[in-house]
Amino acid sequence: MVLSRRNRELYAQDELRRLRGENARLKELLIQHGVAWEEPAIPEPVPDPTESAPTPAHFTTDDKIALFRRLFPGARGCLSAALGVVQGHIRLFTGMRQ
């Protein structure tokens, strides 16, 4: 069954009203039977974080290496094992002979 947007809104409002009524009924039953309960505390709104330093648009090679080392702490030798310099150009060693 496909409901129109207006019908979905009305259904949601009716459902909310029904659930609130049931909650009130259940709270009353708890009180009648001497069961201790209390409303949950409303959490305080989280303040917006203070403005931090802007992220640089261009990262240096040292910045990139530091980031890689932070993200992959156990992978220190993987780049040096996979990459090599051949005649001034960085080459990827795939294990295949050329």
PDB file of N, CA and C in Angstrom:
ATOM      1  N   MET A   1       0.838  -1.163   0.000  1.00  0.00           N
ATOM      2  CA  MET A   1       0.000   0.000   0.000  1.00  0.00           C
ATOM      3  C   MET A   1       0.894   1.240   0.000  1.00  0.00           C
ATOM      4  N   VAL A   2       0.683   2.122  -0.935  1.00  0.00           N
ATOM      5  CA  VAL A   2       1.466   3.339  -1.065  1.00  0.00           C
ATOM      6  C   VAL A   2       0.646   4.496  -0.516  1.00  0.00           C
ATOM      7  N   LEU A   3       1.241   5.229   0.424  1.00  0.00           N
ATOM      8  CA  LEU A   3       0.550   6.369   1.017  1.00  0.00           C
ATOM      9  C   LEU A   3       1.107   7.658   0.432  1.00  0.00           C
ATOM     10  N   SER A   4       0.238   8.639   0.300  1.00  0.00           N
ATOM     11  CA  SER A   4       0.699   9.952  -0.148  1.00  0.00           C
ATOM     12  C   SER A   4       1.497  10.585   0.983  1.00  0.00           C
ATOM     13  N   ARG A   5       2.227  11.621   0.652  1.00  0.00           N
ATOM     14  CA  ARG A   5       3.050  12.294   1.664  1.00  0.00           C
ATOM     15  C   ARG A   5       2.174  12.802   2.815  1.00  0.00           C
ATOM     16  N   ARG A   6       1.060  13.396   2.493  1.00  0.00           N
ATOM     17  CA  ARG A   6       0.145  13.919   3.525  1.00  0.00           C
ATOM     18  C   ARG A   6      -0.360  12.788   4.412  1.00  0.00           C
ATOM     19  N   ASN A   7      -0.729  11.645   3.809  1.00  0.00           N
ATOM     20  CA  ASN A   7      -1.212  10.510   4.592  1.00  0.00           C
ATOM     21  C   ASN A   7      -0.110   9.935   5.482  1.00  0.00           C
ATOM     22  N   ARG A   8       1.130   9.923   4.973  1.00  0.00           N
ATOM     23  CA  ARG A   8       2.254   9.441   5.798  1.00  0.00           C
ATOM     24  C   ARG A   8       2.455  10.352   7.001  1.00  0.00           C
ATOM     25  N   GLU A   9       2.348  11.673   6.789  1.00  0.00           N
ATOM     26  CA  GLU A   9       2.494  12.622   7.887  1.00  0.00           C
ATOM     27  C   GLU A   9       1.393  12.424   8.927  1.00  0.00           C
ATOM     28  N   LEU A  10       0.165  12.250   8.458  1.00  0.00           N
ATOM     29  CA  LEU A  10      -0.950  12.021   9.381  1.00  0.00           C
ATOM     30  C   LEU A  10      -0.774  10.712  10.141  1.00  0.00           C
ATOM     31  N   TYR A  11      -0.329   9.678   9.442  1.00  0.00           N
ATOM     32  CA  TYR A  11      -0.106   8.386  10.079  1.00  0.00           C
ATOM     33  C   TYR A  11       0.982   8.517  11.151  1.00  0.00           C
ATOM     34  N   ALA A  12       2.060   9.242  10.838  1.00  0.00           N
ATOM     35  CA  ALA A  12       3.151   9.420  11.793  1.00  0.00           C
ATOM     36  C   ALA A  12       2.675  10.187  13.017  1.00  0.00           C
ATOM     37  N   GLN A  13       1.860  11.209  12.811  1.00  0.00           N
ATOM     38  CA  GLN A  13       1.330  11.983  13.935  1.00  0.00           C
ATOM     39  C   GLN A  13       0.414  11.118  14.799  1.00  0.00           C
ATOM     40  N   ASP A  14      -0.442  10.308  14.161  1.00  0.00           N
ATOM     41  CA  ASP A  14      -1.328   9.411  14.914  1.00  0.00           C
ATOM     42  C   ASP A  14      -0.519   8.391  15.707  1.00  0.00           C
ATOM     43  N   GLU A  15       0.523   7.855  15.085  1.00  0.00           N
ATOM     44  CA  GLU A  15       1.370   6.870  15.755  1.00  0.00           C
ATOM     45  C   GLU A  15       2.070   7.506  16.958  1.00  0.00           C
ATOM     46  N   LEU A  16       2.564   8.728  16.807  1.00  0.00           N
ATOM     47  CA  LEU A  16       3.219   9.431  17.901  1.00  0.00           C
ATOM     48  C   LEU A  16       2.241   9.674  19.046  1.00  0.00           C
ATOM     49  N   ARG A  17       1.035  10.114  18.700  1.00  0.00           N
ATOM     50  CA  ARG A  17       0.006  10.336  19.717  1.00  0.00           C
ATOM     51  C   ARG A  17      -0.333   9.034  20.450  1.00  0.00           C
ATOM     52  N   ARG A  18      -0.443   7.951  19.698  1.00  0.00           N
ATOM     53  CA  ARG A  18      -0.767   6.658  20.300  1.00  0.00           C
ATOM     54  C   ARG A  18       0.349   6.203  21.245  1.00  0.00           C
ATOM     55  N   LEU A  19       1.597   6.361  20.830  1.00  0.00           N
ATOM     56  CA  LEU A  19       2.723   5.938  21.660  1.00  0.00           C
ATOM     57  C   LEU A  19       2.843   6.791  22.921  1.00  0.00           C
ATOM     58  N   ARG A  20       2.601   8.077  22.789  1.00  0.00           N
ATOM     59  CA  ARG A  20       2.646   8.934  23.977  1.00  0.00           C
ATOM     60  C   ARG A  20       1.547   8.560  24.976  1.00  0.00           C
ATOM     61  N   GLY A  21       0.369   8.237  24.459  1.00  0.00           N
ATOM     62  CA  GLY A  21      -0.716   7.792  25.337  1.00  0.00           C
ATOM     63  C   GLY A  21      -0.374   6.485  26.028  1.00  0.00           C
ATOM     64  N   GLU A  22       0.231   5.559  25.294  1.00  0.00           N
ATOM     65  CA  GLU A  22       0.628   4.284  25.899  1.00  0.00           C
ATOM     66  C   GLU A  22       1.702   4.495  26.952  1.00  0.00           C
ATOM     67  N   ASN A  23       2.652   5.396  26.684  1.00  0.00           N
ATOM     68  CA  ASN A  23       3.686   5.694  27.673  1.00  0.00           C
ATOM     69  C   ASN A  23       3.065   6.239  28.955  1.00  0.00           C
ATOM     70  N   ALA A  24       2.112   7.153  28.817  1.00  0.00           N
ATOM     71  CA  ALA A  24       1.447   7.722  29.991  1.00  0.00           C
ATOM     72  C   ALA A  24       0.730   6.622  30.777  1.00  0.00           C
ATOM     73  N   ARG A  25       0.065   5.711  30.066  1.00  0.00           N
ATOM     74  CA  ARG A  25      -0.650   4.607  30.720  1.00  0.00           C
ATOM     75  C   ARG A  25       0.330   3.698  31.466  1.00  0.00           C
ATOM     76  N   LEU A  26       1.466   3.399  30.834  1.00  0.00           N
ATOM     77  CA  LEU A  26       2.450   2.520  31.468  1.00  0.00           C
ATOM     78  C   LEU A  26       3.100   3.186  32.682  1.00  0.00           C
ATOM     79  N   LYS A  27       3.359   4.493  32.590  1.00  0.00           N
ATOM     80  CA  LYS A  27       3.913   5.216  33.738  1.00  0.00           C
ATOM     81  C   LYS A  27       2.945   5.168  34.913  1.00  0.00           C
ATOM     82  N   GLU A  28       1.667   5.339  34.610  1.00  0.00           N
ATOM     83  CA  GLU A  28       0.648   5.285  35.668  1.00  0.00           C
ATOM     84  C   GLU A  28       0.622   3.908  36.315  1.00  0.00           C
ATOM     85  N   LEU A  29       0.756   2.850  35.512  1.00  0.00           N
ATOM     86  CA  LEU A  29       0.799   1.493  36.077  1.00  0.00           C
ATOM     87  C   LEU A  29       2.009   1.314  36.984  1.00  0.00           C
ATOM     88  N   LEU A  30       3.152   1.856  36.587  1.00  0.00           N
ATOM     89  CA  LEU A  30       4.346   1.763  37.429  1.00  0.00           C
ATOM     90  C   LEU A  30       4.104   2.436  38.771  1.00  0.00           C
ATOM     91  N   ILE A  31       3.494   3.622  38.740  1.00  0.00           N
ATOM     92  CA  ILE A  31       3.213   4.353  39.973  1.00  0.00           C
ATOM     93  C   ILE A  31       2.239   3.568  40.849  1.00  0.00           C
ATOM     94  N   GLN A  32       1.178   3.012  40.244  1.00  0.00           N
ATOM     95  CA  GLN A  32       0.177   2.259  41.001  1.00  0.00           C
ATOM     96  C   GLN A  32       0.788   1.046  41.688  1.00  0.00           C
ATOM     97  N   HIS A  33       1.785   0.430  41.059  1.00  0.00           N
ATOM     98  CA  HIS A  33       2.392  -0.776  41.611  1.00  0.00           C
ATOM     99  C   HIS A  33       3.669  -0.493  42.406  1.00  0.00           C
ATOM    100  N   GLY A  34       3.962   0.788  42.623  1.00  0.00           N
ATOM    101  CA  GLY A  34       5.097   1.159  43.459  1.00  0.00           C
ATOM    102  C   GLY A  34       6.460   0.890  42.833  1.00  0.00           C
ATOM    103  N   VAL A  35       6.527   0.843  41.538  1.00  0.00           N
ATOM    104  CA  VAL A  35       7.803   0.626  40.861  1.00  0.00           C
ATOM    105  C   VAL A  35       8.489   1.975  40.672  1.00  0.00           C
ATOM    106  N   ALA A  36       9.749   2.040  41.137  1.00  0.00           N
ATOM    107  CA  ALA A  36      10.496   3.291  41.022  1.00  0.00           C
ATOM    108  C   ALA A  36      10.953   3.477  39.574  1.00  0.00           C
ATOM    109  N   TRP A  37      10.740   4.661  39.094  1.00  0.00           N
ATOM    110  CA  TRP A  37      11.202   5.003  37.752  1.00  0.00           C
ATOM    111  C   TRP A  37      11.326   6.517  37.691  1.00  0.00           C
ATOM    112  N   GLU A  38      12.044   6.988  36.719  1.00  0.00           N
ATOM    113  CA  GLU A  38      12.158   8.430  36.532  1.00  0.00           C
ATOM    114  C   GLU A  38      12.379   8.744  35.067  1.00  0.00           C
ATOM    115  N   GLU A  39      12.059   9.955  34.715  1.00  0.00           N
ATOM    116  CA  GLU A  39      12.260  10.415  33.343  1.00  0.00           C
ATOM    117  C   GLU A  39      13.766  10.464  33.061  1.00  0.00           C
ATOM    118  N   PRO A  40      14.179  10.078  31.860  1.00  0.00           N
ATOM    119  CA  PRO A  40      15.599  10.203  31.534  1.00  0.00           C
ATOM    120  C   PRO A  40      15.991  11.675  31.453  1.00  0.00           C
ATOM    121  N   ALA A  41      17.189  11.948  31.899  1.00  0.00           N
ATOM    122  CA  ALA A  41      17.681  13.326  31.839  1.00  0.00           C
ATOM    123  C   ALA A  41      17.862  13.738  30.381  1.00  0.00           C
ATOM    124  N   ILE A  42      17.479  14.944  30.085  1.00  0.00           N
ATOM    125  CA  ILE A  42      17.654  15.446  28.725  1.00  0.00           C
ATOM    126  C   ILE A  42      19.111  15.860  28.590  1.00  0.00           C
ATOM    127  N   PRO A  43      19.817  15.290  27.609  1.00  0.00           N
ATOM    128  CA  PRO A  43      21.240  15.616  27.490  1.00  0.00           C
ATOM    129  C   PRO A  43      21.438  17.084  27.113  1.00  0.00           C
ATOM    130  N   GLU A  44      22.515  17.645  27.673  1.00  0.00           N
ATOM    131  CA  GLU A  44      22.849  19.028  27.351  1.00  0.00           C
ATOM    132  C   GLU A  44      23.322  19.097  25.912  1.00  0.00           C
ATOM    133  N   PRO A  45      22.988  20.166  25.214  1.00  0.00           N
ATOM    134  CA  PRO A  45      23.478  20.278  23.839  1.00  0.00           C
ATOM    135  C   PRO A  45      25.007  20.356  23.825  1.00  0.00           C
ATOM    136  N   VAL A  46      25.586  19.698  22.851  1.00  0.00           N
ATOM    137  CA  VAL A  46      27.033  19.684  22.713  1.00  0.00           C
ATOM    138  C   VAL A  46      27.452  20.992  22.051  1.00  0.00           C
ATOM    139  N   PRO A  47      28.372  21.721  22.703  1.00  0.00           N
ATOM    140  CA  PRO A  47      28.804  22.973  22.081  1.00  0.00           C
ATOM    141  C   PRO A  47      29.618  22.698  20.823  1.00  0.00           C
ATOM    142  N   ASP A  48      29.534  23.621  19.886  1.00  0.00           N
ATOM    143  CA  ASP A  48      30.313  23.489  18.664  1.00  0.00           C
ATOM    144  C   ASP A  48      31.792  23.559  19.002  1.00  0.00           C
ATOM    145  N   PRO A  49      32.589  22.712  18.345  1.00  0.00           N
ATOM    146  CA  PRO A  49      34.026  22.779  18.632  1.00  0.00           C
ATOM    147  C   PRO A  49      34.570  24.145  18.222  1.00  0.00           C
ATOM    148  N   THR A  50      35.562  24.559  18.974  1.00  0.00           N
ATOM    149  CA  THR A  50      36.151  25.852  18.637  1.00  0.00           C
ATOM    150  C   THR A  50      36.845  25.759  17.296  1.00  0.00           C
ATOM    151  N   GLU A  51      36.978  26.867  16.689  1.00  0.00           N
ATOM    152  CA  GLU A  51      37.614  26.930  15.377  1.00  0.00           C
ATOM    153  C   GLU A  51      39.044  26.426  15.505  1.00  0.00           C
ATOM    154  N   SER A  52      39.391  25.458  14.697  1.00  0.00           N
ATOM    155  CA  SER A  52      40.753  24.933  14.717  1.00  0.00           C
ATOM    156  C   SER A  52      41.534  25.529  13.556  1.00  0.00           C
ATOM    157  N   ALA A  53      42.815  25.247  13.552  1.00  0.00           N
ATOM    158  CA  ALA A  53      43.658  25.766  12.484  1.00  0.00           C
ATOM    159  C   ALA A  53      43.162  25.217  11.151  1.00  0.00           C
ATOM    160  N   PRO A  54      43.162  26.038  10.112  1.00  0.00           N
ATOM    161  CA  PRO A  54      42.694  25.551   8.811  1.00  0.00           C
ATOM    162  C   PRO A  54      43.604  24.458   8.275  1.00  0.00           C
ATOM    163  N   THR A  55      43.004  23.525   7.572  1.00  0.00           N
ATOM    164  CA  THR A  55      43.762  22.443   6.963  1.00  0.00           C
ATOM    165  C   THR A  55      44.508  22.992   5.753  1.00  0.00           C
ATOM    166  N   PRO A  56      45.804  22.705   5.682  1.00  0.00           N
ATOM    167  CA  PRO A  56      46.540  23.231   4.529  1.00  0.00           C
ATOM    168  C   PRO A  56      46.052  22.593   3.238  1.00  0.00           C
ATOM    169  N   ALA A  57      46.083  23.389   2.175  1.00  0.00           N
ATOM    170  CA  ALA A  57      45.640  22.891   0.874  1.00  0.00           C
ATOM    171  C   ALA A  57      46.711  22.034   0.217  1.00  0.00           C
ATOM    172  N   HIS A  58      47.978  22.236   0.615  1.00  0.00           N
ATOM    173  CA  HIS A  58      49.071  21.496   0.002  1.00  0.00           C
ATOM    174  C   HIS A  58      49.897  20.856   1.117  1.00  0.00           C
ATOM    175  N   PHE A  59      50.113  19.578   1.029  1.00  0.00           N
ATOM    176  CA  PHE A  59      50.886  18.859   2.028  1.00  0.00           C
ATOM    177  C   PHE A  59      52.286  18.593   1.500  1.00  0.00           C
ATOM    178  N   THR A  60      53.248  18.747   2.377  1.00  0.00           N
ATOM    179  CA  THR A  60      54.619  18.442   1.985  1.00  0.00           C
ATOM    180  C   THR A  60      54.817  16.937   1.992  1.00  0.00           C
ATOM    181  N   THR A  61      55.907  16.494   1.428  1.00  0.00           N
ATOM    182  CA  THR A  61      56.222  15.062   1.432  1.00  0.00           C
ATOM    183  C   THR A  61      56.353  14.551   2.857  1.00  0.00           C
ATOM    184  N   ASP A  62      56.981  15.350   3.727  1.00  0.00           N
ATOM    185  CA  ASP A  62      57.115  14.943   5.131  1.00  0.00           C
ATOM    186  C   ASP A  62      55.754  14.809   5.808  1.00  0.00           C
ATOM    187  N   ASP A  63      54.811  15.712   5.486  1.00  0.00           N
ATOM    188  CA  ASP A  63      53.454  15.619   6.040  1.00  0.00           C
ATOM    189  C   ASP A  63      52.780  14.319   5.601  1.00  0.00           C
ATOM    190  N   LYS A  64      52.945  13.981   4.330  1.00  0.00           N
ATOM    191  CA  LYS A  64      52.325  12.764   3.792  1.00  0.00           C
ATOM    192  C   LYS A  64      52.925  11.518   4.425  1.00  0.00           C
ATOM    193  N   ILE A  65      54.237  11.510   4.603  1.00  0.00           N
ATOM    194  CA  ILE A  65      54.890  10.353   5.234  1.00  0.00           C
ATOM    195  C   ILE A  65      54.440  10.215   6.680  1.00  0.00           C
ATOM    196  N   ALA A  66      54.351  11.350   7.388  1.00  0.00           N
ATOM    197  CA  ALA A  66      53.894  11.304   8.781  1.00  0.00           C
ATOM    198  C   ALA A  66      52.465  10.783   8.869  1.00  0.00           C
ATOM    199  N   LEU A  67      51.607  11.212   7.959  1.00  0.00           N
ATOM    200  CA  LEU A  67      50.229  10.724   7.936  1.00  0.00           C
ATOM    201  C   LEU A  67      50.190   9.230   7.663  1.00  0.00           C
ATOM    202  N   PHE A  68      50.958   8.778   6.679  1.00  0.00           N
ATOM    203  CA  PHE A  68      51.003   7.350   6.354  1.00  0.00           C
ATOM    204  C   PHE A  68      51.463   6.544   7.562  1.00  0.00           C
ATOM    205  N   ARG A  69      52.487   7.031   8.257  1.00  0.00           N
ATOM    206  CA  ARG A  69      53.014   6.300   9.425  1.00  0.00           C
ATOM    207  C   ARG A  69      52.008   6.273  10.566  1.00  0.00           C
ATOM    208  N   ARG A  70      51.213   7.345  10.717  1.00  0.00           N
ATOM    209  CA  ARG A  70      50.169   7.335  11.752  1.00  0.00           C
ATOM    210  C   ARG A  70      49.050   6.357  11.406  1.00  0.00           C
ATOM    211  N   LEU A  71      48.684   6.310  10.121  1.00  0.00           N
ATOM    212  CA  LEU A  71      47.576   5.444   9.715  1.00  0.00           C
ATOM    213  C   LEU A  71      47.975   3.971   9.635  1.00  0.00           C
ATOM    214  N   PHE A  72      49.220   3.708   9.273  1.00  0.00           N
ATOM    215  CA  PHE A  72      49.695   2.339   9.089  1.00  0.00           C
ATOM    216  C   PHE A  72      50.984   2.135   9.880  1.00  0.00           C
ATOM    217  N   PRO A  73      50.861   2.054  11.218  1.00  0.00           N
ATOM    218  CA  PRO A  73      52.062   2.007  12.047  1.00  0.00           C
ATOM    219  C   PRO A  73      52.932   0.766  11.821  1.00  0.00           C
ATOM    220  N   GLY A  74      52.374  -0.337  11.400  1.00  0.00           N
ATOM    221  CA  GLY A  74      53.166  -1.549  11.221  1.00  0.00           C
ATOM    222  C   GLY A  74      53.716  -1.708   9.820  1.00  0.00           C
ATOM    223  N   ALA A  75      53.521  -0.729   8.975  1.00  0.00           N
ATOM    224  CA  ALA A  75      53.880  -0.879   7.565  1.00  0.00           C
ATOM    225  C   ALA A  75      55.104  -0.053   7.188  1.00  0.00           C
ATOM    226  N   ARG A  76      56.043   0.076   8.087  1.00  0.00           N
ATOM    227  CA  ARG A  76      57.201   0.939   7.836  1.00  0.00           C
ATOM    228  C   ARG A  76      58.010   0.504   6.629  1.00  0.00           C
ATOM    229  N   GLY A  77      58.180  -0.800   6.422  1.00  0.00           N
ATOM    230  CA  GLY A  77      59.046  -1.242   5.343  1.00  0.00           C
ATOM    231  C   GLY A  77      58.339  -1.576   4.056  1.00  0.00           C
ATOM    232  N   CYS A  78      57.015  -1.485   4.024  1.00  0.00           N
ATOM    233  CA  CYS A  78      56.304  -1.946   2.832  1.00  0.00           C
ATOM    234  C   CYS A  78      56.571  -1.060   1.625  1.00  0.00           C
ATOM    235  N   LEU A  79      56.645   0.246   1.815  1.00  0.00           N
ATOM    236  CA  LEU A  79      56.907   1.111   0.673  1.00  0.00           C
ATOM    237  C   LEU A  79      58.322   0.933   0.158  1.00  0.00           C
ATOM    238  N   SER A  80      59.270   0.849   1.088  1.00  0.00           N
ATOM    239  CA  SER A  80      60.648   0.700   0.629  1.00  0.00           C
ATOM    240  C   SER A  80      60.847  -0.642  -0.055  1.00  0.00           C
ATOM    241  N   ALA A  81      60.086  -1.665   0.331  1.00  0.00           N
ATOM    242  CA  ALA A  81      60.216  -2.972  -0.302  1.00  0.00           C
ATOM    243  C   ALA A  81      59.531  -2.990  -1.665  1.00  0.00           C
ATOM    244  N   ALA A  82      58.473  -2.184  -1.827  1.00  0.00           N
ATOM    245  CA  ALA A  82      57.716  -2.222  -3.077  1.00  0.00           C
ATOM    246  C   ALA A  82      58.200  -1.193  -4.088  1.00  0.00           C
ATOM    247  N   LEU A  83      58.813  -0.132  -3.610  1.00  0.00           N
ATOM    248  CA  LEU A  83      59.255   0.923  -4.503  1.00  0.00           C
ATOM    249  C   LEU A  83      60.778   0.957  -4.556  1.00  0.00           C
ATOM    250  N   GLY A  84      61.276   1.291  -5.671  1.00  0.00           N
ATOM    251  CA  GLY A  84      62.714   1.454  -5.810  1.00  0.00           C
ATOM    252  C   GLY A  84      63.009   2.554  -6.794  1.00  0.00           C
ATOM    253  N   VAL A  85      64.193   3.084  -6.708  1.00  0.00           N
ATOM    254  CA  VAL A  85      64.582   4.147  -7.620  1.00  0.00           C
ATOM    255  C   VAL A  85      65.461   3.537  -8.698  1.00  0.00           C
ATOM    256  N   VAL A  86      65.045   3.689  -9.940  1.00  0.00           N
ATOM    257  CA  VAL A  86      65.789   3.184 -11.083  1.00  0.00           C
ATOM    258  C   VAL A  86      66.056   4.366 -12.004  1.00  0.00           C
ATOM    259  N   GLN A  87      67.298   4.701 -12.164  1.00  0.00           N
ATOM    260  CA  GLN A  87      67.715   5.811 -13.022  1.00  0.00           C
ATOM    261  C   GLN A  87      66.950   7.099 -12.693  1.00  0.00           C
ATOM    262  N   GLY A  88      66.814   7.388 -11.396  1.00  0.00           N
ATOM    263  CA  GLY A  88      66.174   8.624 -10.969  1.00  0.00           C
ATOM    264  C   GLY A  88      64.657   8.606 -10.972  1.00  0.00           C
ATOM    265  N   HIS A  89      64.037   7.499 -11.365  1.00  0.00           N
ATOM    266  CA  HIS A  89      62.575   7.396 -11.384  1.00  0.00           C
ATOM    267  C   HIS A  89      62.134   6.346 -10.379  1.00  0.00           C
ATOM    268  N   ILE A  90      61.039   6.623  -9.699  1.00  0.00           N
ATOM    269  CA  ILE A  90      60.506   5.653  -8.747  1.00  0.00           C
ATOM    270  C   ILE A  90      59.754   4.585  -9.524  1.00  0.00           C
ATOM    271  N   ARG A  91      60.090   3.347  -9.263  1.00  0.00           N
ATOM    272  CA  ARG A  91      59.460   2.202  -9.954  1.00  0.00           C
ATOM    273  C   ARG A  91      58.803   1.297  -8.907  1.00  0.00           C
ATOM    274  N   LEU A  92      57.723   0.690  -9.306  1.00  0.00           N
ATOM    275  CA  LEU A  92      57.038  -0.270  -8.455  1.00  0.00           C
ATOM    276  C   LEU A  92      57.522  -1.654  -8.820  1.00  0.00           C
ATOM    277  N   PHE A  93      58.032  -2.373  -7.831  1.00  0.00           N
ATOM    278  CA  PHE A  93      58.491  -3.742  -8.058  1.00  0.00           C
ATOM    279  C   PHE A  93      57.302  -4.682  -7.876  1.00  0.00           C
ATOM    280  N   THR A  94      56.912  -5.346  -8.939  1.00  0.00           N
ATOM    281  CA  THR A  94      55.745  -6.230  -8.880  1.00  0.00           C
ATOM    282  C   THR A  94      56.146  -7.676  -8.714  1.00  0.00           C
ATOM    283  N   GLY A  95      57.413  -7.967  -8.717  1.00  0.00           N
ATOM    284  CA  GLY A  95      57.854  -9.346  -8.613  1.00  0.00           C
ATOM    285  C   GLY A  95      58.049  -9.981  -9.983  1.00  0.00           C
ATOM    286  N   MET A  96      57.672  -9.275 -11.035  1.00  0.00           N
ATOM    287  CA  MET A  96      57.849  -9.793 -12.392  1.00  0.00           C
ATOM    288  C   MET A  96      59.161  -9.244 -12.944  1.00  0.00           C
ATOM    289  N   ARG A  97      59.867 -10.070 -13.643  1.00  0.00           N
ATOM    290  CA  ARG A  97      61.124  -9.618 -14.264  1.00  0.00           C
ATOM    291  C   ARG A  97      60.812  -8.874 -15.532  1.00  0.00           C
ATOM    292  N   GLN A  98      61.608  -7.869 -15.778  1.00  0.00           N
ATOM    293  CA  GLN A  98      61.416  -7.080 -17.017  1.00  0.00           C
ATOM    294  C   GLN A  98      62.531  -7.326 -17.969  1.00  0.00           C
TER     295      GLN A  98
END
